[in-house]
Structures are given as structure tokens and as C-alpha cells.
Protein backbone atom coordinates (compact mmCIF):
# COMPACT_ATOMS: atom_id res chain seq x y z
CA MET A 1 53.02 -9.67 21.53
CA SER A 2 51.53 -10.40 24.85
CA GLU A 3 47.87 -12.25 25.16
CA LYS A 4 46.44 -8.41 26.74
CA THR A 5 47.91 -6.43 23.70
CA ILE A 6 46.62 -9.09 21.48
CA PHE A 7 43.32 -9.07 23.11
CA ALA A 8 43.42 -5.13 23.13
CA VAL A 9 44.16 -5.21 19.57
CA MET A 10 41.36 -7.27 18.77
CA PHE A 11 38.78 -5.73 20.90
CA ASN A 12 39.78 -2.08 18.88
CA ASP A 13 39.15 -3.89 15.83
CA PHE A 14 36.05 -4.88 16.83
CA LYS A 15 34.22 -2.18 18.82
CA PRO A 16 32.62 -0.44 15.89
CA VAL A 17 30.36 -4.02 15.29
CA LEU A 18 29.91 -4.10 18.68
CA LYS A 19 28.71 -0.21 18.95
CA ILE A 20 26.20 -1.04 16.09
CA LEU A 21 24.99 -4.63 17.63
CA LEU A 22 24.70 -3.02 20.83
CA ARG A 23 22.48 -0.15 19.07
CA PHE A 24 20.86 -2.55 17.68
CA ILE A 25 19.64 -4.56 20.98
CA ILE A 26 18.68 -1.64 23.07
CA LEU A 27 16.71 -0.07 20.19
CA TYR A 28 14.79 -3.36 19.49
CA VAL A 29 14.48 -4.11 23.33
CA VAL A 30 12.66 -0.57 23.68
CA LEU A 31 10.68 -0.64 20.89
CA VAL A 32 9.37 -3.87 21.93
CA LEU A 33 8.75 -3.02 25.31
CA GLY A 34 6.96 0.30 24.01
CA TYR A 35 5.15 -2.21 21.63
CA GLN A 36 3.69 -4.43 24.27
CA PHE A 37 2.74 -1.38 26.95
CA TYR A 38 0.36 -0.10 23.94
CA LEU A 39 -1.09 -3.73 23.61
CA ASN A 40 -1.69 -4.03 26.81
CA GLY A 41 -3.92 -1.25 26.84
CA PHE A 42 -6.31 -2.91 24.31
CA LYS A 43 -6.02 -6.96 26.23
CA ASN A 44 -9.86 -8.36 25.48
CA SER A 45 -11.10 -5.47 24.27
CA GLY A 46 -10.38 -6.41 20.87
CA LEU A 47 -8.22 -5.21 18.22
CA ASP A 48 -6.04 -2.33 19.03
CA SER A 49 -6.47 0.92 17.07
CA PHE A 50 -3.58 0.55 14.64
CA SER A 51 -5.00 -2.80 13.68
CA THR A 52 -8.51 -1.48 13.04
CA TRP A 53 -7.11 1.49 10.84
CA LEU A 54 -5.14 -0.87 8.86
CA MET A 55 -7.92 -3.14 8.20
CA THR A 56 -10.45 0.14 7.00
CA GLN A 57 -7.23 0.83 4.42
CA VAL A 58 -7.61 -2.82 3.39
CA ASP A 59 -11.42 -2.53 3.01
CA PHE A 60 -11.17 0.54 1.35
CA ILE A 61 -8.96 -0.80 -1.15
CA GLN A 62 -10.43 -3.98 -1.87
CA ASN A 63 -14.06 -2.19 -2.36
CA LEU A 64 -12.13 0.13 -4.65
CA LEU A 65 -10.90 -2.93 -6.39
CA GLY A 66 -14.56 -4.62 -6.52
CA TYR A 67 -14.50 -6.77 -3.90
CA PRO A 68 -17.24 -5.46 -1.82
CA SER A 69 -15.70 -5.73 2.01
CA LYS A 70 -16.76 -5.00 5.20
CA MET A 71 -15.19 -5.43 8.71
CA VAL A 72 -16.85 -7.11 11.15
CA GLU A 73 -15.75 -7.28 14.84
CA GLY A 74 -14.87 -10.51 16.68
CA LYS A 75 -16.08 -11.59 20.18
CA PRO A 76 -13.35 -8.59 22.49
CA GLN A 77 -11.42 -11.10 24.26
CA ASP A 78 -10.65 -12.56 20.79
CA GLU A 79 -8.85 -9.21 20.23
CA THR A 80 -9.61 -9.90 15.96
CA THR A 81 -12.01 -8.92 13.09
CA TRP A 82 -12.98 -10.74 10.31
CA PHE A 83 -13.04 -9.42 7.09
CA PHE A 84 -16.14 -10.45 5.04
CA VAL A 85 -15.25 -10.20 1.12
CA SER A 86 -17.80 -11.10 -1.78
CA GLY A 87 -20.15 -12.67 0.28
CA LYS A 88 -17.96 -14.80 2.80
CA TYR A 89 -15.87 -14.60 5.44
CA VAL A 90 -11.86 -14.89 3.94
CA SER A 91 -9.62 -13.87 7.00
CA ARG A 92 -9.41 -12.45 9.92
CA MET A 93 -7.34 -9.58 11.08
CA VAL A 94 -5.50 -10.24 14.54
CA GLU A 95 -2.22 -8.15 15.94
CA GLY A 96 0.47 -9.54 14.44
CA CYS A 97 -0.93 -8.77 10.87
CA ASN A 98 -0.40 -5.13 11.17
CA ALA A 99 3.46 -5.28 10.47
CA ILE A 100 4.54 -3.15 13.81
CA SER A 101 7.10 -5.77 14.80
CA VAL A 102 8.63 -5.86 11.54
CA MET A 103 8.51 -2.31 11.47
CA ILE A 104 10.53 -2.18 15.15
CA LEU A 105 13.09 -4.73 13.23
CA PHE A 106 13.46 -2.52 10.33
CA LEU A 107 14.14 0.57 13.02
CA ALA A 108 16.03 -0.71 15.43
CA PHE A 109 18.37 -1.86 12.75
CA VAL A 110 18.57 1.88 10.62
CA PHE A 111 18.97 3.54 13.65
CA ALA A 112 21.96 0.78 14.49
CA PHE A 113 24.00 2.63 11.40
CA PHE A 114 22.86 6.20 12.80
CA GLU A 115 23.59 8.81 10.55
CA GLY A 116 22.27 12.17 11.71
CA PHE A 117 18.96 13.57 10.56
CA LYS A 118 18.88 11.23 7.49
CA THR A 119 18.22 8.19 9.84
CA PHE A 120 15.34 9.67 11.31
CA VAL A 121 13.78 10.87 7.50
CA PHE A 122 14.89 7.25 5.89
CA GLY A 123 13.49 5.49 9.10
CA ALA A 124 10.01 7.68 8.54
CA LEU A 125 10.02 6.90 4.57
CA GLY A 126 10.63 3.08 5.59
CA ILE A 127 7.97 2.86 7.75
CA ILE A 128 5.66 4.72 5.40
CA ALA A 129 6.71 1.79 2.58
CA LEU A 130 6.73 -1.00 4.76
CA HIS A 131 3.04 0.11 5.69
CA ILE A 132 1.48 0.70 2.33
CA MET A 133 3.00 -2.49 1.22
CA ASN A 134 1.67 -4.41 4.58
CA VAL A 135 -2.20 -2.80 3.20
CA LEU A 136 -1.33 -4.23 -0.53
CA ARG A 137 -0.19 -7.94 1.11
CA ILE A 138 -3.28 -8.15 2.92
CA VAL A 139 -5.57 -7.16 0.07
CA GLY A 140 -3.66 -9.23 -2.28
CA LEU A 141 -4.17 -12.31 0.49
CA ASN A 142 -7.99 -11.72 0.81
CA ILE A 143 -8.38 -11.41 -2.83
CA LEU A 144 -6.16 -14.79 -3.36
CA ILE A 145 -8.38 -16.42 -0.95
CA VAL A 146 -11.89 -15.25 -2.53
CA GLU A 147 -10.05 -16.13 -6.19
CA HIS A 148 -8.47 -19.20 -5.40
CA PRO A 149 -9.22 -20.79 -2.04
CA GLN A 150 -6.95 -23.50 -2.95
CA TYR A 151 -3.54 -21.55 -2.39
CA SER A 152 -4.67 -20.08 0.87
CA LYS A 153 -2.47 -21.54 2.90
CA MET A 154 0.78 -21.29 0.36
CA GLY A 155 -0.54 -17.47 0.40
CA HIS A 156 -0.50 -16.68 4.03
CA ASP A 157 2.20 -18.77 5.01
CA TYR A 158 5.23 -18.16 2.47
CA LEU A 159 4.11 -15.68 -0.62
CA PHE A 160 2.75 -12.77 1.57
CA PRO A 161 5.77 -12.99 4.29
CA ALA A 162 7.73 -12.70 1.54
CA ILE A 163 6.74 -10.11 0.59
CA ILE A 164 6.82 -7.76 3.60
CA TYR A 165 10.39 -9.54 4.75
CA GLY A 166 11.68 -9.03 1.50
CA SER A 167 10.90 -5.53 1.55
CA VAL A 168 12.85 -4.87 4.84
CA VAL A 169 15.43 -6.70 3.44
CA LEU A 170 15.49 -4.43 0.42
CA LEU A 171 15.11 -1.35 2.12
CA TRP A 172 18.24 -2.72 4.40
CA LEU A 173 20.53 -3.43 1.75
CA ILE A 174 19.56 0.66 0.34
CA TRP A 175 20.10 2.34 3.82
CA ILE A 176 23.38 0.69 4.10
CA LYS A 177 24.57 0.64 0.22
CA PHE A 178 23.45 4.44 0.15
CA TYR A 179 23.44 6.04 3.69
CA ALA A 180 25.37 4.20 6.16
CA LEU A 181 28.23 2.82 4.84
CA LYS A 182 28.84 5.49 2.05
CA GLU A 183 32.33 6.76 2.05
CA PRO A 184 33.04 10.57 2.60
CA LYS A 185 33.40 12.60 -0.29
CA HIS A 186 37.88 13.82 -0.25
CA GLU A 187 38.44 16.40 -2.26
CA SER A 188 40.72 16.49 -5.32
CA ALA A 189 44.21 18.17 -4.94
């Protein structure tokens, strides 16, 4: 076999993987650029509107759970808002807390394994699930800081990121196992 033939066979073997990888990279870059364009609209004017919306949900749940909460805006150029919970400042919300970058990563992966309309449904349901997990993650972190401040660093740096990233991996596994790589059913003779 000639060297060109071997290369052609190898390329054909890896072609599906390369297509998936290329789709992932293109989708990821486009979504990140779109998100950055969105964020540029809030430069030096406080926290972006999605992050603020997320904070209102966290605030509502904390109040519901008996942790009196309110949001206190920082300086607009700081692009942050503080959580005032149970009489003290416990944490601050910055753009990175809203999990949009995690959602972008999730969507790029799911759409890299495009399977028609069900890709859109799974992507939308996944985003909703990740948003709910993120709200609960922030609520949990704020309650941890109020109740056990000595564990705040461990909670912020390790435990609560593991929850959101673990949720993404679990959703990816579900997508791959049950939807993306599902063998077509063959009719029996």
C-alpha cells in the first residue's frame, strides 16, 4: 500500500471525528464571541441583565428558605452586586457566576453531535437544568457562608464548581448515551 493510500484510509476513518471536532470549535467560538458582544454592552455600567435576573431568583429562594436577603449594587465600573444575607455581606455576584460560559460549552458539545430537532429540545432543556442548578449552587454557597464561614473557600473553589461542572458532564453523558450515538433500530425479518 502506498503512503497516499494509507493517509486516505486514515483520513476516512477519522473524518466523522474531525467533523464533530470542527463543529464543536466553530460553535464554541461563535457562541463565545456572541456572549462577549452581549457583555460589551454592559461595560462599566454594572452587572449584566442576565446576572441580575439570576440574582433576583437566588434572592427569592434565600428569602423563601428563611435567610433574609437583598441585593446591594456595587460601583458600576466594578460590575458586581453583593448579597446581603441574614444581616451581613456574604458574597458578591460577578459575570462569571452566571454560568453562561458553562452553558456555552454544554451547547457547543451537544450541537457538535447534531441529531435534528431533538438536539434543540435537549439543548434547551439542558440550559434550563443548568440554570436551575446554578441558582441552587449560589443559594447553597451563600447559606454555607452564613452557617459555616470557615468552609467558604472550600465551598466556593471546589464543592460548588464541582456541582455545576458535574451537571454538565452528566448531561453530556445522557446526550451521548441515549440520543447522539443511539443505534438505529433494525426491523427484524
